[in-house]
Structures are given as structure tokens and as C-alpha cells.
N, C-alpha and C. Protein backbone atom coordinates (compact mmCIF):
# COMPACT_ATOMS: atom_id res chain seq x y z
N MET A 1 290.64 131.40 266.56
CA MET A 1 290.69 131.39 268.15
C MET A 1 289.78 132.75 268.46
N PHE A 2 289.46 133.81 267.62
CA PHE A 2 288.29 134.74 268.11
C PHE A 2 287.04 133.93 268.05
N ALA A 3 286.91 133.06 267.04
CA ALA A 3 285.71 132.40 266.82
C ALA A 3 285.22 131.52 267.95
N ILE A 4 286.35 131.13 268.31
CA ILE A 4 285.97 130.07 269.59
C ILE A 4 285.50 130.94 270.77
N TYR A 5 286.46 132.17 271.19
CA TYR A 5 285.95 133.02 271.94
C TYR A 5 284.52 133.41 271.87
N LEU A 6 284.31 133.75 270.75
CA LEU A 6 282.92 134.47 270.42
C LEU A 6 281.89 133.45 270.78
N SER A 7 282.02 132.24 270.28
CA SER A 7 281.17 131.38 270.51
C SER A 7 281.05 130.98 272.15
N LEU A 8 282.16 131.01 272.90
CA LEU A 8 282.05 130.76 274.45
C LEU A 8 281.21 132.11 274.74
N ILE A 9 281.21 133.35 274.49
CA ILE A 9 280.70 134.45 274.94
C ILE A 9 279.16 134.38 274.61
N LEU A 10 278.91 133.63 273.47
CA LEU A 10 277.48 133.47 273.17
C LEU A 10 276.62 132.43 274.18
N CYS A 11 277.63 131.36 274.23
CA CYS A 11 277.18 130.17 274.94
C CYS A 11 276.87 130.81 276.66
N SER A 12 277.72 131.46 276.98
CA SER A 12 277.62 132.05 278.35
C SER A 12 276.35 132.89 278.51
N SER A 13 275.65 133.22 277.52
CA SER A 13 274.46 134.21 277.80
C SER A 13 273.29 133.15 278.25
N PHE A 14 273.68 132.07 277.94
CA PHE A 14 272.34 131.13 278.21
C PHE A 14 272.47 130.30 279.52
N VAL A 15 273.35 130.69 280.26
CA VAL A 15 273.87 130.00 281.48
C VAL A 15 273.69 131.01 282.50
N LYS A 16 273.17 130.41 283.83
CA LYS A 16 272.79 131.30 284.96
C LYS A 16 273.74 130.92 286.16
N GLY A 17 273.86 131.98 286.99
CA GLY A 17 274.52 131.76 288.25
C GLY A 17 275.90 131.05 288.52
N GLU A 18 275.75 129.84 289.36
CA GLU A 18 277.11 129.17 289.47
C GLU A 18 277.47 128.45 288.21
N GLU A 19 276.60 128.10 287.29
CA GLU A 19 277.09 127.54 286.12
C GLU A 19 277.79 128.54 285.37
N LEU A 20 277.30 129.95 285.32
CA LEU A 20 278.23 130.81 284.69
C LEU A 20 279.60 130.86 285.36
N ASP A 21 279.78 130.89 286.63
CA ASP A 21 281.09 130.94 287.06
C ASP A 21 281.85 129.59 286.51
N GLU A 22 281.38 128.56 286.59
CA GLU A 22 282.10 127.29 286.24
C GLU A 22 282.25 127.32 284.59
N PHE A 23 281.26 128.14 284.03
CA PHE A 23 281.40 127.99 282.45
C PHE A 23 282.50 129.26 282.21
N ALA A 24 282.76 130.33 283.02
CA ALA A 24 283.55 131.18 282.82
C ALA A 24 285.06 130.64 282.95
N LYS A 25 285.06 129.77 284.13
CA LYS A 25 286.48 128.95 284.28
C LYS A 25 286.64 128.13 283.08
N LEU A 26 285.82 127.23 282.47
CA LEU A 26 285.85 126.63 281.42
C LEU A 26 286.37 127.42 280.18
N GLN A 27 285.76 128.47 280.04
CA GLN A 27 286.22 129.61 278.82
C GLN A 27 287.86 129.86 279.16
N ASN A 28 288.05 130.42 280.36
CA ASN A 28 289.48 130.75 280.66
C ASN A 28 290.52 129.64 280.50
N ALA A 29 289.96 128.33 280.77
CA ALA A 29 290.72 127.29 280.53
C ALA A 29 290.91 126.88 279.12
N VAL A 30 290.08 127.11 278.23
CA VAL A 30 290.13 126.86 276.94
C VAL A 30 291.16 127.93 276.35
N LEU A 31 291.00 129.16 276.57
CA LEU A 31 291.85 130.33 275.99
C LEU A 31 293.26 130.11 276.51
N ILE A 32 293.51 129.61 277.70
CA ILE A 32 294.81 129.15 278.26
C ILE A 32 295.62 127.96 277.26
N LEU A 33 294.47 127.14 277.13
CA LEU A 33 295.09 126.00 276.35
C LEU A 33 295.13 126.48 274.91
N GLN A 34 294.32 127.26 274.40
CA GLN A 34 294.60 127.65 272.86
C GLN A 34 295.89 128.58 272.98
N HIS A 35 296.17 129.35 273.92
CA HIS A 35 297.28 130.14 273.95
C HIS A 35 298.67 129.12 273.78
N ARG A 36 298.61 128.31 274.74
CA ARG A 36 299.55 127.27 274.80
C ARG A 36 299.87 126.55 273.62
N VAL A 37 298.78 126.05 272.90
CA VAL A 37 299.00 125.50 271.39
C VAL A 37 299.52 126.43 270.56
N THR A 38 299.05 127.54 270.55
CA THR A 38 299.81 128.76 269.70
C THR A 38 301.26 128.82 269.99
N THR A 39 301.50 128.86 271.20
CA THR A 39 302.84 129.19 271.57
C THR A 39 303.89 127.83 271.15
N THR A 40 303.13 126.67 271.59
CA THR A 40 304.01 125.21 271.08
C THR A 40 304.10 125.32 269.63
N GLU A 41 303.09 125.73 268.91
CA GLU A 41 303.15 125.73 267.35
C GLU A 41 304.35 126.56 266.84
N GLY A 42 304.28 127.77 267.47
CA GLY A 42 305.40 128.76 267.26
C GLY A 42 306.76 128.17 267.42
N GLN A 43 306.94 127.69 268.76
CA GLN A 43 308.13 127.01 269.07
C GLN A 43 308.47 125.84 268.13
N LEU A 44 307.50 125.02 267.81
CA LEU A 44 307.83 123.86 266.76
C LEU A 44 308.04 124.43 265.51
N GLU A 45 307.57 125.52 265.08
CA GLU A 45 308.05 126.19 263.84
C GLU A 45 309.46 126.52 263.83
N ARG A 46 309.84 127.08 264.84
CA ARG A 46 311.15 127.66 265.08
C ARG A 46 312.13 126.64 265.10
N THR A 47 312.08 125.58 265.84
CA THR A 47 312.55 124.27 265.89
C THR A 47 312.80 123.85 264.66
N GLN A 48 311.82 123.62 263.79
CA GLN A 48 311.86 123.02 262.76
C GLN A 48 312.76 123.83 261.65
N THR A 49 312.79 125.15 261.68
CA THR A 49 313.59 126.13 260.91
C THR A 49 314.99 125.83 261.36
N LYS A 50 315.19 125.58 262.58
CA LYS A 50 316.71 125.42 263.11
C LYS A 50 316.92 124.30 262.65
N LEU A 51 316.11 123.05 262.68
CA LEU A 51 316.75 121.84 262.36
C LEU A 51 316.84 121.78 260.68
N THR A 52 316.05 122.55 259.94
CA THR A 52 316.13 122.66 258.28
C THR A 52 317.74 123.20 258.21
N GLN A 53 318.01 124.49 258.80
CA GLN A 53 319.16 125.01 258.87
C GLN A 53 320.42 124.18 259.01
N ALA A 54 320.31 123.38 260.17
CA ALA A 54 321.35 122.47 260.58
C ALA A 54 321.41 121.56 259.52
N GLU A 55 320.66 120.82 259.09
CA GLU A 55 320.60 120.09 258.02
C GLU A 55 321.25 120.66 256.87
N VAL A 56 320.94 121.82 256.25
CA VAL A 56 321.43 122.46 255.17
C VAL A 56 323.20 122.56 255.59
N LYS A 57 323.52 122.94 256.68
CA LYS A 57 324.95 122.92 256.90
C LYS A 57 325.70 121.76 257.01
N ARG A 58 324.78 120.60 257.38
CA ARG A 58 325.54 119.23 257.51
C ARG A 58 325.85 118.80 256.08
N VAL A 59 324.90 118.83 255.18
CA VAL A 59 324.77 118.66 253.86
C VAL A 59 326.18 119.55 253.28
N GLN A 60 326.24 120.71 253.47
CA GLN A 60 327.11 121.78 252.96
C GLN A 60 328.67 120.93 253.44
N SER A 61 328.78 120.72 254.89
CA SER A 61 329.77 120.24 255.40
C SER A 61 330.28 118.74 254.80
N ASP A 62 329.32 117.91 254.55
CA ASP A 62 329.46 116.62 253.69
C ASP A 62 330.07 116.93 252.16
N MET A 63 329.43 117.69 251.68
CA MET A 63 329.93 118.32 250.25
C MET A 63 331.29 118.70 250.37
N LYS A 64 331.71 119.56 251.48
CA LYS A 64 333.05 119.98 251.40
C LYS A 64 334.14 118.95 251.81
N LEU A 65 333.53 117.95 252.63
CA LEU A 65 334.48 116.61 252.93
C LEU A 65 334.75 115.98 251.97
N THR A 66 333.53 115.78 251.14
CA THR A 66 333.93 114.91 249.87
C THR A 66 334.71 115.44 248.88
N GLN A 67 334.82 116.80 248.54
CA GLN A 67 335.58 117.42 247.81
C GLN A 67 337.05 117.52 248.32
N ALA A 68 337.24 117.50 249.64
CA ALA A 68 338.63 117.60 250.15
C ALA A 68 339.00 116.05 250.01
N GLU A 69 338.13 115.00 250.19
CA GLU A 69 338.61 113.71 250.11
C GLU A 69 339.18 113.52 248.57
N ARG A 70 338.34 113.96 247.61
CA ARG A 70 338.79 113.77 246.25
C ARG A 70 340.23 114.45 245.88
N GLN A 71 340.27 115.86 246.35
CA GLN A 71 341.57 116.26 246.35
C GLN A 71 342.70 115.83 246.79
N LEU A 72 342.59 115.04 248.04
CA LEU A 72 343.55 114.27 248.64
C LEU A 72 343.87 113.14 247.77
N ALA A 73 342.97 112.41 247.37
CA ALA A 73 343.14 111.11 246.33
C ALA A 73 344.03 111.74 245.03
N GLN A 74 343.69 112.61 244.79
CA GLN A 74 344.26 113.18 243.42
C GLN A 74 345.79 113.42 243.79
N LEU A 75 346.06 114.15 244.81
CA LEU A 75 347.49 114.31 245.38
C LEU A 75 348.21 113.17 245.59
N GLN A 76 347.70 112.12 246.34
CA GLN A 76 348.14 111.15 246.56
C GLN A 76 348.78 110.36 245.35
N THR A 77 347.75 110.39 244.26
CA THR A 77 348.08 109.76 242.90
C THR A 77 349.30 110.53 242.40
N LYS A 78 349.27 111.81 242.33
CA LYS A 78 350.28 112.54 241.75
C LYS A 78 351.65 112.19 242.51
N LEU A 79 351.62 112.14 243.93
CA LEU A 79 352.71 111.95 244.67
C LEU A 79 353.34 110.44 244.34
N THR A 80 352.49 109.77 244.12
CA THR A 80 352.91 108.25 243.90
C THR A 80 353.42 107.89 242.47
N ALA A 81 352.81 108.81 241.54
CA ALA A 81 353.24 108.31 240.28
C ALA A 81 354.73 108.95 239.82
N TRP A 82 355.39 108.26 238.89
CA TRP A 82 356.65 108.72 238.61
C TRP A 82 356.49 109.70 237.19
N PRO A 83 357.24 110.54 237.01
CA PRO A 83 356.99 111.23 235.75
C PRO A 83 357.09 110.51 234.47
N SER A 84 356.43 110.92 233.39
CA SER A 84 356.45 110.43 232.32
C SER A 84 357.77 110.54 231.59
N GLY A 85 358.05 109.82 230.53
CA GLY A 85 359.54 109.98 229.84
C GLY A 85 360.30 108.62 230.13
N ASN A 86 361.48 108.60 229.38
CA ASN A 86 362.37 107.37 229.43
C ASN A 86 363.61 107.84 230.14
N TYR A 87 363.63 107.13 231.54
CA TYR A 87 364.86 107.62 232.21
C TYR A 87 365.38 106.08 233.18
N CYS A 88 366.55 106.22 233.89
CA CYS A 88 366.80 105.35 234.71
C CYS A 88 366.90 106.02 236.27
N ILE A 89 366.73 105.21 237.19
CA ILE A 89 366.97 105.64 238.56
C ILE A 89 367.84 104.35 239.25
N LEU A 90 368.59 104.72 240.13
CA LEU A 90 369.44 103.51 240.89
C LEU A 90 368.32 102.70 241.52
N SER A 91 368.64 101.42 241.52
CA SER A 91 367.72 100.36 242.05
C SER A 91 368.17 100.15 243.60
N ASN A 92 367.21 99.82 244.30
CA ASN A 92 367.47 99.69 245.74
C ASN A 92 367.29 98.29 246.30
N TYR A 93 368.46 97.60 246.28
CA TYR A 93 368.55 96.33 246.94
C TYR A 93 367.46 95.29 246.00
N GLY A 94 367.49 95.47 244.68
CA GLY A 94 366.87 94.66 244.06
C GLY A 94 365.06 94.89 243.67
N TYR A 95 364.96 96.06 244.10
CA TYR A 95 363.39 96.44 244.18
C TYR A 95 363.47 97.72 243.03
N CYS A 96 362.78 97.35 242.09
CA CYS A 96 362.33 98.48 241.10
C CYS A 96 360.63 98.83 241.10
N PRO A 97 360.43 100.13 240.98
CA PRO A 97 359.09 100.39 241.20
C PRO A 97 358.32 99.99 239.96
N THR A 98 357.01 99.75 240.17
CA THR A 98 356.10 99.18 239.06
C THR A 98 356.20 100.23 237.69
N GLY A 99 356.42 99.50 236.63
CA GLY A 99 356.58 100.28 235.48
C GLY A 99 358.05 100.41 234.93
N PHE A 100 358.97 99.98 235.73
CA PHE A 100 360.51 99.89 235.73
C PHE A 100 360.84 98.60 235.59
N ARG A 101 362.15 98.31 234.57
CA ARG A 101 362.60 97.11 234.65
C ARG A 101 364.09 97.25 235.26
N LYS A 102 364.41 96.20 235.67
CA LYS A 102 365.77 96.18 236.21
C LYS A 102 366.95 95.98 235.22
N SER A 103 368.06 96.83 235.40
CA SER A 103 369.10 96.71 234.42
C SER A 103 370.67 97.07 235.00
N SER A 104 371.33 96.28 234.70
CA SER A 104 372.62 96.43 235.60
C SER A 104 373.88 96.22 234.66
N GLY A 105 375.12 96.89 235.12
CA GLY A 105 376.28 96.88 234.37
C GLY A 105 377.51 96.99 235.25
N TYR A 106 378.53 96.80 234.83
CA TYR A 106 379.78 97.15 235.58
C TYR A 106 380.96 97.77 234.97
N MET A 107 381.82 98.29 235.37
CA MET A 107 383.30 98.64 234.93
C MET A 107 384.21 98.06 235.94
N ARG A 108 385.35 97.21 235.34
CA ARG A 108 386.39 96.54 236.03
C ARG A 108 387.75 97.44 235.65
N ALA A 109 388.53 97.35 236.43
CA ALA A 109 389.91 97.87 236.31
C ALA A 109 389.85 99.51 236.06
N VAL A 110 389.20 99.85 236.90
CA VAL A 110 388.95 101.73 236.85
C VAL A 110 390.38 102.15 237.71
N SER A 111 391.22 103.00 236.98
CA SER A 111 392.23 103.47 237.53
C SER A 111 391.89 104.69 238.43
N LEU A 112 392.52 104.59 239.63
CA LEU A 112 392.17 105.66 240.87
C LEU A 112 393.44 106.39 241.16
N TYR A 113 393.19 107.51 241.49
CA TYR A 113 394.20 108.46 242.19
C TYR A 113 394.65 107.99 243.44
N ALA A 114 393.84 107.31 244.29
CA ALA A 114 394.10 106.97 245.62
C ALA A 114 392.94 105.84 245.88
N ALA A 115 393.46 104.66 247.00
CA ALA A 115 392.41 103.98 247.48
C ALA A 115 391.92 104.14 248.88
N THR A 116 391.43 105.27 249.14
CA THR A 116 391.14 105.84 250.43
C THR A 116 389.62 105.99 250.60
N SER A 117 388.98 106.18 251.43
CA SER A 117 387.60 106.42 251.59
C SER A 117 387.01 107.78 251.13
N THR A 118 388.04 108.68 250.76
CA THR A 118 387.97 109.77 250.14
C THR A 118 387.44 109.49 248.65
N PHE A 119 388.05 108.68 248.13
CA PHE A 119 388.03 108.18 246.74
C PHE A 119 387.03 106.98 246.33
N ILE A 120 386.93 106.31 247.56
CA ILE A 120 386.01 105.12 247.32
C ILE A 120 385.02 105.17 248.27
N ARG A 121 383.69 105.07 248.02
CA ARG A 121 382.49 104.96 249.06
C ARG A 121 381.92 103.75 248.54
N GLN A 122 381.51 102.94 249.61
CA GLN A 122 381.35 101.64 249.36
C GLN A 122 379.99 101.32 248.51
N SER A 123 378.55 101.60 248.96
CA SER A 123 377.52 101.31 248.03
C SER A 123 376.39 102.49 248.20
N PHE A 124 375.40 102.47 247.19
CA PHE A 124 374.48 103.08 247.20
C PHE A 124 373.23 102.28 246.65
N GLY A 125 372.61 101.52 247.54
CA GLY A 125 371.64 100.70 247.33
C GLY A 125 372.34 99.51 246.60
N ASP A 126 371.89 99.01 245.26
CA ASP A 126 372.54 97.91 244.34
C ASP A 126 373.87 98.31 243.96
N THR A 127 373.76 99.85 243.69
CA THR A 127 375.04 100.07 242.91
C THR A 127 376.48 100.28 244.14
N LYS A 128 377.45 100.04 243.56
CA LYS A 128 378.69 99.87 244.50
C LYS A 128 380.03 100.02 243.74
N ILE A 129 380.94 100.64 244.31
CA ILE A 129 382.32 100.62 243.85
C ILE A 129 383.20 100.11 245.03
N GLN A 130 384.17 99.17 244.57
CA GLN A 130 384.81 98.46 245.37
C GLN A 130 386.38 98.57 244.85
N CYS A 131 387.27 98.16 245.66
CA CYS A 131 388.61 98.00 244.97
C CYS A 131 388.83 96.73 244.32
N HIS A 132 389.41 96.71 243.37
CA HIS A 132 389.81 95.31 242.51
C HIS A 132 391.27 94.85 242.93
N GLY A 133 390.98 93.64 243.49
CA GLY A 133 392.08 93.28 244.16
C GLY A 133 392.48 93.75 245.60
N PRO A 134 393.42 93.71 246.15
CA PRO A 134 393.89 94.13 247.68
C PRO A 134 393.66 95.89 247.59
N CYS A 135 392.75 96.25 248.40
CA CYS A 135 392.33 97.75 248.33
C CYS A 135 393.62 98.42 248.97
N GLY A 136 394.30 99.38 248.25
CA GLY A 136 395.31 100.21 249.00
C GLY A 136 396.51 99.67 249.32
N ARG A 137 396.85 98.55 248.92
CA ARG A 137 398.19 97.93 249.31
C ARG A 137 399.30 98.09 248.28
N THR A 138 398.86 97.92 246.88
CA THR A 138 399.74 98.23 245.92
C THR A 138 399.17 99.28 244.99
N LYS A 139 399.96 99.93 244.14
CA LYS A 139 399.89 100.87 243.20
C LYS A 139 400.06 99.88 241.96
N PRO A 140 399.27 100.37 240.77
CA PRO A 140 398.22 101.37 240.78
C PRO A 140 396.82 100.81 241.36
N TRP A 141 396.19 101.84 242.11
CA TRP A 141 394.89 101.50 242.75
C TRP A 141 393.94 101.36 241.62
N ILE A 142 393.17 100.30 241.61
CA ILE A 142 392.17 99.72 240.56
C ILE A 142 391.05 99.48 241.55
N ALA A 143 389.80 99.84 240.76
CA ALA A 143 388.53 100.06 241.23
C ALA A 143 387.65 99.24 240.28
N GLU A 144 386.52 98.78 240.93
CA GLU A 144 385.33 97.88 240.20
C GLU A 144 384.19 98.97 240.39
N LEU A 145 383.30 99.05 239.48
CA LEU A 145 382.19 99.80 239.59
C LEU A 145 380.83 99.09 239.10
N TYR A 146 380.07 98.87 240.12
CA TYR A 146 378.84 98.00 239.77
C TYR A 146 377.46 99.10 239.70
N ILE A 147 376.89 99.28 238.75
CA ILE A 147 375.65 99.95 238.52
C ILE A 147 374.40 99.22 238.33
N SER A 148 373.30 99.46 239.10
CA SER A 148 372.17 98.50 239.32
C SER A 148 371.28 99.63 239.00
N THR A 149 370.31 99.58 238.16
CA THR A 149 369.46 100.55 238.00
C THR A 149 367.78 100.18 237.49
N CYS A 150 367.02 100.82 237.54
CA CYS A 150 365.56 100.56 237.11
C CYS A 150 365.11 101.67 236.16
N CYS A 151 364.80 101.02 234.82
CA CYS A 151 364.62 102.06 233.81
C CYS A 151 363.20 101.96 233.09
N LYS A 152 362.73 103.07 232.53
CA LYS A 152 361.46 102.84 231.95
C LYS A 152 361.64 103.73 230.61
């Protein structure tokens, strides 16, 4: 910028009168334009820095989101997976989870103290207890127990 200013001064020494005024105006216009260019370049550099910082933050946010999604998927897998080992659970209306097989059995002629709802509750999914014969009309009270499970 100084070199341009110096060359403008040197050129002005060869110009006379009205031309000198016009030349001075042009020199001033050039200096103003150079200042505007310098200012614009500075603004551009600051804007590029801000954009770079914003891009870094976006990439960091994307990385955090990806990590959170991975952790969520792992938790969902853990929540839907049954614990390892050999055990049975009660089946629910014929349904057994993946990896389990259905198994059922019964006991008939189970002697009860009484045949009321305190001692006989109807069902739990496929498993049920019911009266054997007429319920509560005659002694001894006898029940039937049906158990339906899913085992692995």
C-alpha cells in the first residue's frame, strides 16, 4: 500500500494545475479503495475464522450425537435381551419370546382348604387354576392347576 502511495506522489510531481487537482482526487479515491479492500479482507478473514470455529463445533456435535446413538442402541439391546442361563417364565397367551420354547403341564385333584376367590384366582396368562367339578358346592374342594411356561 505504501508503494502505491509513493508511486502516486512521484507521478503527481509531473502533473500541473487542474490535472494536479484531478490527480489528487484520483489518489484519494485509490487510497479509499485500498482501505476498503484491506478492511474487507480483514472482515473476510474474521468471518472465515468464525465459520471454521462453527464447523469444528458442528463436527464435535455430530461426534457426540453419534456416540449417544451408539450408547442408546447398546442400552436397547441390553433391555430387550433376556439374561443368560436355563430358566422358565410363564407364557402369555401362547406367546414365548425368541429363544424360549413352550412347555406346559397340569395337576388335577388338588385338595383345597376352601373354594373361594381368596384361595382360587382364575388365570395368569396361559397358567390357570380352576375348580375340579362343581366349584364350592361340595366338600372336599378340589382344584386343577394348569401351568404353561416358556423355557430356555
